[in-house]
Amino acid sequence: MYPLKYRRANTADIEHLVILINQAYRTNTGSSWTSEQNIVAGDRISHPQLLESLKQDHFSLFIAEISANKQSHVVACIGLTLQQNTVEIGNFCVNLDWQNQDIGKQVLGWAEKKALEIFPTLTCY
């Protein structure tokens, strides 16, 4: 397990996150399960789209970072959309350089705990 640190994304992160999300979903490296490259053309998300999402009260995008060589590196992101009695997980991706190292599993587990923290009456299936 990697020592990941989590934080809420903000507008200063948008440019980096647009690149991360588009690379994860639109690049086919052979080892990525998230590639939609052969299904959908164009970018998955744009700067204005992500900015609009971050403005939504019911949506939170979280960043997972790892420290190496005294620098912090974004390795993943995951979004939680709060609805009436549910939480939808989306915008979930892992940096191509960090895929297939259980980062995704770690981030998803954290997001599930975070969802219960925000919405304690949530029923898990």
C-alpha atoms as a PDB file:
ATOM      1  CA  MET A   1       0.000   0.000   0.000  1.00  0.00           C
ATOM      2  CA  TYR A   2       1.167   3.461  -0.849  1.00  0.00           C
ATOM      3  CA  PRO A   3       0.978   6.304   1.694  1.00  0.00           C
ATOM      4  CA  LEU A   4      -1.564   8.408  -0.174  1.00  0.00           C
ATOM      5  CA  LYS A   5      -2.770  11.803   0.995  1.00  0.00           C
ATOM      6  CA  TYR A   6      -6.221  12.974  -0.024  1.00  0.00           C
ATOM      7  CA  ARG A   7      -7.584  16.450  -0.495  1.00  0.00           C
ATOM      8  CA  ARG A   8     -10.504  18.157  -2.166  1.00  0.00           C
ATOM      9  CA  ALA A   9      -9.721  19.450  -5.647  1.00  0.00           C
ATOM     10  CA  ASN A  10      -9.947  23.175  -6.254  1.00  0.00           C
ATOM     11  CA  THR A  11      -9.865  25.485  -9.258  1.00  0.00           C
ATOM     12  CA  ALA A  12      -6.057  25.621  -9.193  1.00  0.00           C
ATOM     13  CA  ASP A  13      -6.036  21.861  -9.953  1.00  0.00           C
ATOM     14  CA  ILE A  14      -8.254  22.024 -13.042  1.00  0.00           C
ATOM     15  CA  GLU A  15      -5.575  22.135 -15.733  1.00  0.00           C
ATOM     16  CA  HIS A  16      -3.703  19.162 -14.268  1.00  0.00           C
ATOM     17  CA  LEU A  17      -6.908  17.182 -13.647  1.00  0.00           C
ATOM     18  CA  VAL A  18      -8.184  17.693 -17.208  1.00  0.00           C
ATOM     19  CA  ILE A  19      -4.933  16.186 -18.470  1.00  0.00           C
ATOM     20  CA  LEU A  20      -5.076  13.315 -15.945  1.00  0.00           C
ATOM     21  CA  ILE A  21      -8.707  12.412 -16.713  1.00  0.00           C
ATOM     22  CA  ASN A  22      -8.311  12.655 -20.485  1.00  0.00           C
ATOM     23  CA  GLN A  23      -5.127  10.578 -20.466  1.00  0.00           C
ATOM     24  CA  ALA A  24      -6.678   7.888 -18.275  1.00  0.00           C
ATOM     25  CA  TYR A  25      -9.818   7.573 -20.397  1.00  0.00           C
ATOM     26  CA  ARG A  26      -8.541   8.386 -23.864  1.00  0.00           C
ATOM     27  CA  THR A  27      -5.143   6.654 -23.949  1.00  0.00           C
ATOM     28  CA  ASN A  28      -4.859   2.960 -24.642  1.00  0.00           C
ATOM     29  CA  THR A  29      -1.642   1.629 -23.152  1.00  0.00           C
ATOM     30  CA  GLY A  30      -2.735  -1.980 -23.171  1.00  0.00           C
ATOM     31  CA  SER A  31      -2.699  -2.119 -19.383  1.00  0.00           C
ATOM     32  CA  SER A  32      -5.512   0.358 -18.787  1.00  0.00           C
ATOM     33  CA  TRP A  33      -9.057  -0.856 -18.225  1.00  0.00           C
ATOM     34  CA  THR A  34     -10.494   2.669 -18.383  1.00  0.00           C
ATOM     35  CA  SER A  35      -9.694   3.475 -22.006  1.00  0.00           C
ATOM     36  CA  GLU A  36     -12.685   4.591 -24.033  1.00  0.00           C
ATOM     37  CA  GLN A  37     -10.484   5.512 -26.978  1.00  0.00           C
ATOM     38  CA  ASN A  38     -12.144   3.026 -29.346  1.00  0.00           C
ATOM     39  CA  ILE A  39     -15.651   3.931 -28.210  1.00  0.00           C
ATOM     40  CA  VAL A  40     -15.779   7.725 -27.922  1.00  0.00           C
ATOM     41  CA  ALA A  41     -13.816  10.356 -29.843  1.00  0.00           C
ATOM     42  CA  GLY A  42     -12.498  13.599 -28.383  1.00  0.00           C
ATOM     43  CA  ASP A  43     -11.707  14.627 -24.847  1.00  0.00           C
ATOM     44  CA  ARG A  44     -13.600  13.131 -21.947  1.00  0.00           C
ATOM     45  CA  ILE A  45     -13.681  16.427 -20.069  1.00  0.00           C
ATOM     46  CA  SER A  46     -12.782  20.034 -20.747  1.00  0.00           C
ATOM     47  CA  HIS A  47     -11.599  22.874 -18.523  1.00  0.00           C
ATOM     48  CA  PRO A  48     -15.060  24.580 -18.534  1.00  0.00           C
ATOM     49  CA  GLN A  49     -16.843  21.280 -17.799  1.00  0.00           C
ATOM     50  CA  LEU A  50     -14.631  20.494 -14.817  1.00  0.00           C
ATOM     51  CA  LEU A  51     -14.903  24.057 -13.529  1.00  0.00           C
ATOM     52  CA  GLU A  52     -18.701  23.803 -13.686  1.00  0.00           C
ATOM     53  CA  SER A  53     -18.630  20.451 -11.870  1.00  0.00           C
ATOM     54  CA  LEU A  54     -16.476  21.852  -9.067  1.00  0.00           C
ATOM     55  CA  LYS A  55     -19.029  24.645  -8.548  1.00  0.00           C
ATOM     56  CA  GLN A  56     -21.822  22.137  -7.849  1.00  0.00           C
ATOM     57  CA  ASP A  57     -22.829  21.893  -4.180  1.00  0.00           C
ATOM     58  CA  HIS A  58     -23.608  18.179  -4.391  1.00  0.00           C
ATOM     59  CA  PHE A  59     -20.315  17.205  -6.059  1.00  0.00           C
ATOM     60  CA  SER A  60     -16.835  16.803  -4.580  1.00  0.00           C
ATOM     61  CA  LEU A  61     -13.734  15.779  -6.477  1.00  0.00           C
ATOM     62  CA  PHE A  62     -10.891  14.393  -4.409  1.00  0.00           C
ATOM     63  CA  ILE A  63      -7.241  14.067  -5.338  1.00  0.00           C
ATOM     64  CA  ALA A  64      -4.904  11.317  -4.147  1.00  0.00           C
ATOM     65  CA  GLU A  65      -1.287  12.383  -3.891  1.00  0.00           C
ATOM     66  CA  ILE A  66       1.934  10.613  -3.093  1.00  0.00           C
ATOM     67  CA  SER A  67       5.145  12.258  -1.929  1.00  0.00           C
ATOM     68  CA  ALA A  68       8.396  11.352  -3.621  1.00  0.00           C
ATOM     69  CA  ASN A  69      11.678  13.245  -3.680  1.00  0.00           C
ATOM     70  CA  LYS A  70      10.218  15.980  -1.474  1.00  0.00           C
ATOM     71  CA  GLN A  71       7.499  16.670  -4.061  1.00  0.00           C
ATOM     72  CA  SER A  72       3.845  15.779  -4.133  1.00  0.00           C
ATOM     73  CA  HIS A  73       2.494  13.985  -7.218  1.00  0.00           C
ATOM     74  CA  VAL A  74      -1.168  13.564  -8.154  1.00  0.00           C
ATOM     75  CA  VAL A  75      -1.706   9.865  -8.781  1.00  0.00           C
ATOM     76  CA  ALA A  76      -5.494   9.663  -8.920  1.00  0.00           C
ATOM     77  CA  CYS A  77      -8.801  11.451  -8.558  1.00  0.00           C
ATOM     78  CA  ILE A  78     -12.302  10.365  -7.649  1.00  0.00           C
ATOM     79  CA  GLY A  79     -15.584  12.233  -7.543  1.00  0.00           C
ATOM     80  CA  LEU A  80     -18.534  11.825  -5.204  1.00  0.00           C
ATOM     81  CA  THR A  81     -21.949  13.122  -6.255  1.00  0.00           C
ATOM     82  CA  LEU A  82     -24.411  13.237  -3.367  1.00  0.00           C
ATOM     83  CA  GLN A  83     -28.006  12.583  -4.322  1.00  0.00           C
ATOM     84  CA  GLN A  84     -31.096  12.010  -2.178  1.00  0.00           C
ATOM     85  CA  ASN A  85     -30.194   8.639  -0.681  1.00  0.00           C
ATOM     86  CA  THR A  86     -27.233   7.703  -2.817  1.00  0.00           C
ATOM     87  CA  VAL A  87     -23.683   8.634  -3.623  1.00  0.00           C
ATOM     88  CA  GLU A  88     -22.457   8.240  -7.167  1.00  0.00           C
ATOM     89  CA  ILE A  89     -18.770   7.628  -7.753  1.00  0.00           C
ATOM     90  CA  GLY A  90     -17.380   9.104 -10.955  1.00  0.00           C
ATOM     91  CA  ASN A  91     -14.409  10.869 -12.501  1.00  0.00           C
ATOM     92  CA  PHE A  92     -12.377   8.011 -11.080  1.00  0.00           C
ATOM     93  CA  CYS A  93      -8.996   7.591 -12.684  1.00  0.00           C
ATOM     94  CA  VAL A  94      -5.405   6.723 -11.913  1.00  0.00           C
ATOM     95  CA  ASN A  95      -2.377   8.293 -13.564  1.00  0.00           C
ATOM     96  CA  LEU A  96      -1.080   5.995 -16.313  1.00  0.00           C
ATOM     97  CA  ASP A  97       2.304   5.691 -14.583  1.00  0.00           C
ATOM     98  CA  TRP A  98       0.620   4.408 -11.419  1.00  0.00           C
ATOM     99  CA  GLN A  99      -1.942   2.008 -12.885  1.00  0.00           C
ATOM    100  CA  ASN A 100      -1.884  -1.697 -12.012  1.00  0.00           C
ATOM    101  CA  GLN A 101      -0.284  -1.050  -8.626  1.00  0.00           C
ATOM    102  CA  ASP A 102      -3.472  -1.244  -6.503  1.00  0.00           C
ATOM    103  CA  ILE A 103      -3.734   2.564  -6.308  1.00  0.00           C
ATOM    104  CA  GLY A 104      -7.268   2.397  -7.725  1.00  0.00           C
ATOM    105  CA  LYS A 105      -8.348  -0.139  -5.115  1.00  0.00           C
ATOM    106  CA  GLN A 106      -6.883   2.043  -2.382  1.00  0.00           C
ATOM    107  CA  VAL A 107      -8.583   5.208  -3.679  1.00  0.00           C
ATOM    108  CA  LEU A 108     -11.946   3.482  -4.113  1.00  0.00           C
ATOM    109  CA  GLY A 109     -11.801   2.129  -0.545  1.00  0.00           C
ATOM    110  CA  TRP A 110     -11.027   5.613   0.760  1.00  0.00           C
ATOM    111  CA  ALA A 111     -13.900   7.120  -1.278  1.00  0.00           C
ATOM    112  CA  GLU A 112     -16.375   4.590   0.097  1.00  0.00           C
ATOM    113  CA  LYS A 113     -15.344   5.497   3.658  1.00  0.00           C
ATOM    114  CA  LYS A 114     -15.511   9.209   2.815  1.00  0.00           C
ATOM    115  CA  ALA A 115     -19.019   8.788   1.398  1.00  0.00           C
ATOM    116  CA  LEU A 116     -20.157   7.188   4.665  1.00  0.00           C
ATOM    117  CA  GLU A 117     -18.475   9.976   6.619  1.00  0.00           C
ATOM    118  CA  ILE A 118     -20.373  12.624   4.610  1.00  0.00           C
ATOM    119  CA  PHE A 119     -23.620  10.662   4.436  1.00  0.00           C
ATOM    120  CA  PRO A 120     -23.741   8.325   7.502  1.00  0.00           C
ATOM    121  CA  THR A 121     -27.210   6.934   6.707  1.00  0.00           C
ATOM    122  CA  LEU A 122     -26.073   5.638   3.337  1.00  0.00           C
ATOM    123  CA  THR A 123     -26.840   1.987   2.655  1.00  0.00           C
ATOM    124  CA  CYS A 124     -23.975   0.082   1.049  1.00  0.00           C
ATOM    125  CA  TYR A 125     -24.634  -2.673  -1.459  1.00  0.00           C
END
